[in-house]
Protein backbone atom coordinates (compact mmCIF):
# COMPACT_ATOMS: atom_id res chain seq x y z
CA MET A 1 -52.70 -206.60 122.68
CA ASN A 2 -53.06 -205.56 119.05
CA THR A 3 -52.30 -202.04 117.94
CA LEU A 4 -53.50 -200.26 114.84
CA ASP A 5 -50.89 -198.58 112.70
CA ILE A 6 -51.57 -195.70 110.36
CA SER A 7 -48.71 -193.76 108.87
CA LEU A 8 -48.19 -190.05 109.29
CA GLN A 9 -47.71 -189.90 105.52
CA GLN A 10 -51.23 -191.27 105.04
CA LEU A 11 -52.60 -188.73 107.50
CA ARG A 12 -50.67 -185.86 105.90
CA GLY A 13 -52.28 -186.86 102.61
CA MET A 14 -55.57 -185.75 104.16
CA ILE A 15 -54.42 -182.13 104.55
CA GLY A 16 -56.67 -179.93 102.47
CA LEU A 17 -59.60 -182.37 102.44
CA ARG A 18 -63.00 -181.01 103.35
CA VAL A 19 -65.04 -183.07 105.80
CA LEU A 20 -68.25 -182.77 107.75
CA HIS A 21 -67.68 -182.71 111.53
CA LEU A 22 -70.64 -182.41 113.90
CA GLY A 23 -72.75 -181.04 111.04
CA SER A 24 -70.28 -178.30 110.08
CA PRO A 25 -68.08 -178.24 106.99
CA CYS A 26 -64.42 -178.30 108.01
CA GLN A 27 -61.04 -178.60 106.35
CA VAL A 28 -58.09 -180.69 107.53
CA VAL A 29 -55.31 -178.12 108.07
CA GLU A 30 -52.69 -179.98 110.10
CA VAL A 31 -51.61 -183.37 111.42
CA LEU A 32 -50.28 -183.59 114.97
CA GLU A 33 -47.76 -186.42 115.30
CA ASP A 34 -48.35 -186.83 119.02
CA GLY A 35 -51.50 -188.86 119.24
CA PRO A 36 -51.78 -188.74 116.21
CA ALA A 37 -54.55 -186.23 115.63
CA LEU A 38 -56.06 -184.13 112.85
CA VAL A 39 -56.65 -180.41 113.22
CA LEU A 40 -59.83 -179.23 111.49
CA LEU A 41 -60.72 -175.65 110.62
CA ASP A 42 -64.46 -174.91 110.78
CA LEU A 43 -65.42 -173.29 107.47
CA GLU A 44 -68.69 -171.76 108.74
CA GLU A 45 -68.08 -168.03 109.01
CA SER A 46 -70.69 -167.79 111.75
CA HIS A 47 -68.60 -170.17 113.88
CA SER A 48 -65.82 -168.05 115.28
CA THR A 49 -64.18 -167.37 118.59
CA ILE A 50 -62.27 -164.45 120.06
CA GLN A 51 -58.50 -164.99 120.07
CA ALA A 52 -56.39 -163.50 122.82
CA ASP A 53 -52.94 -162.09 122.13
CA GLN A 54 -49.80 -163.04 124.08
CA HIS A 55 -50.91 -160.76 126.93
CA GLY A 56 -54.34 -162.40 127.22
CA GLU A 57 -56.21 -159.49 125.64
CA ALA A 58 -58.86 -160.34 123.06
CA HIS A 59 -58.45 -158.44 119.81
CA ARG A 60 -59.76 -160.45 116.88
CA ARG A 61 -62.20 -163.12 115.85
CA VAL A 62 -60.87 -166.32 114.29
CA ARG A 63 -62.50 -169.47 112.97
CA VAL A 64 -62.95 -172.37 115.35
CA THR A 65 -60.57 -175.35 115.15
CA TYR A 66 -61.09 -178.89 116.38
CA THR A 67 -58.48 -181.49 117.28
CA ILE A 68 -59.66 -184.98 116.39
CA PRO A 69 -57.72 -187.98 117.73
CA VAL A 70 -57.14 -190.62 115.06
CA LEU A 71 -56.87 -193.59 117.44
CA ASN A 72 -58.94 -194.61 120.43
CA PRO A 73 -57.33 -194.38 123.91
CA GLY A 74 -55.97 -197.94 123.76
CA ALA A 75 -54.67 -197.48 120.19
CA THR A 76 -56.57 -200.62 119.23
CA GLY A 77 -58.80 -198.95 116.65
CA PHE A 78 -59.81 -195.64 115.16
CA SER A 79 -61.52 -193.12 117.45
CA ALA A 80 -65.25 -192.58 117.13
CA ASP A 81 -64.67 -188.90 116.19
CA PHE A 82 -62.28 -189.88 113.39
CA LEU A 83 -64.70 -192.50 112.05
CA ALA A 84 -67.58 -189.99 112.16
CA LEU A 85 -65.84 -187.58 109.73
CA GLU A 86 -67.74 -187.49 106.44
CA PRO A 87 -65.87 -186.46 103.28
CA LEU A 88 -67.29 -183.51 101.34
CA GLY A 89 -66.32 -184.19 97.74
CA THR A 90 -63.28 -186.02 96.46
CA ASP A 91 -60.97 -183.14 95.55
CA LYS A 92 -58.71 -181.31 97.94
CA ASP A 93 -59.27 -177.60 98.01
CA PRO A 94 -56.67 -174.94 98.86
CA ILE A 95 -56.57 -174.16 102.55
CA GLU A 96 -58.36 -170.93 103.22
């Protein structure tokens, strides 16, 4: 069985890039080595969720994040979610 290799260095190079995910502008903020996966921060201010503290009490609103697997379950190709990401511009912007 063939496997697809992509380096963590290549993925880390995507940190700061803005992409369109499910119609919402997002920014790549982290790379998870296990998987691997990209963590996206939704940049729409209207898209937020309530974050609980360590005691489970909700105190503040934070932006939504998405975890996008880079490879499909068999690691034979890129995942559909990863392939569906559309770049928004060519420059990396500072993480907000």
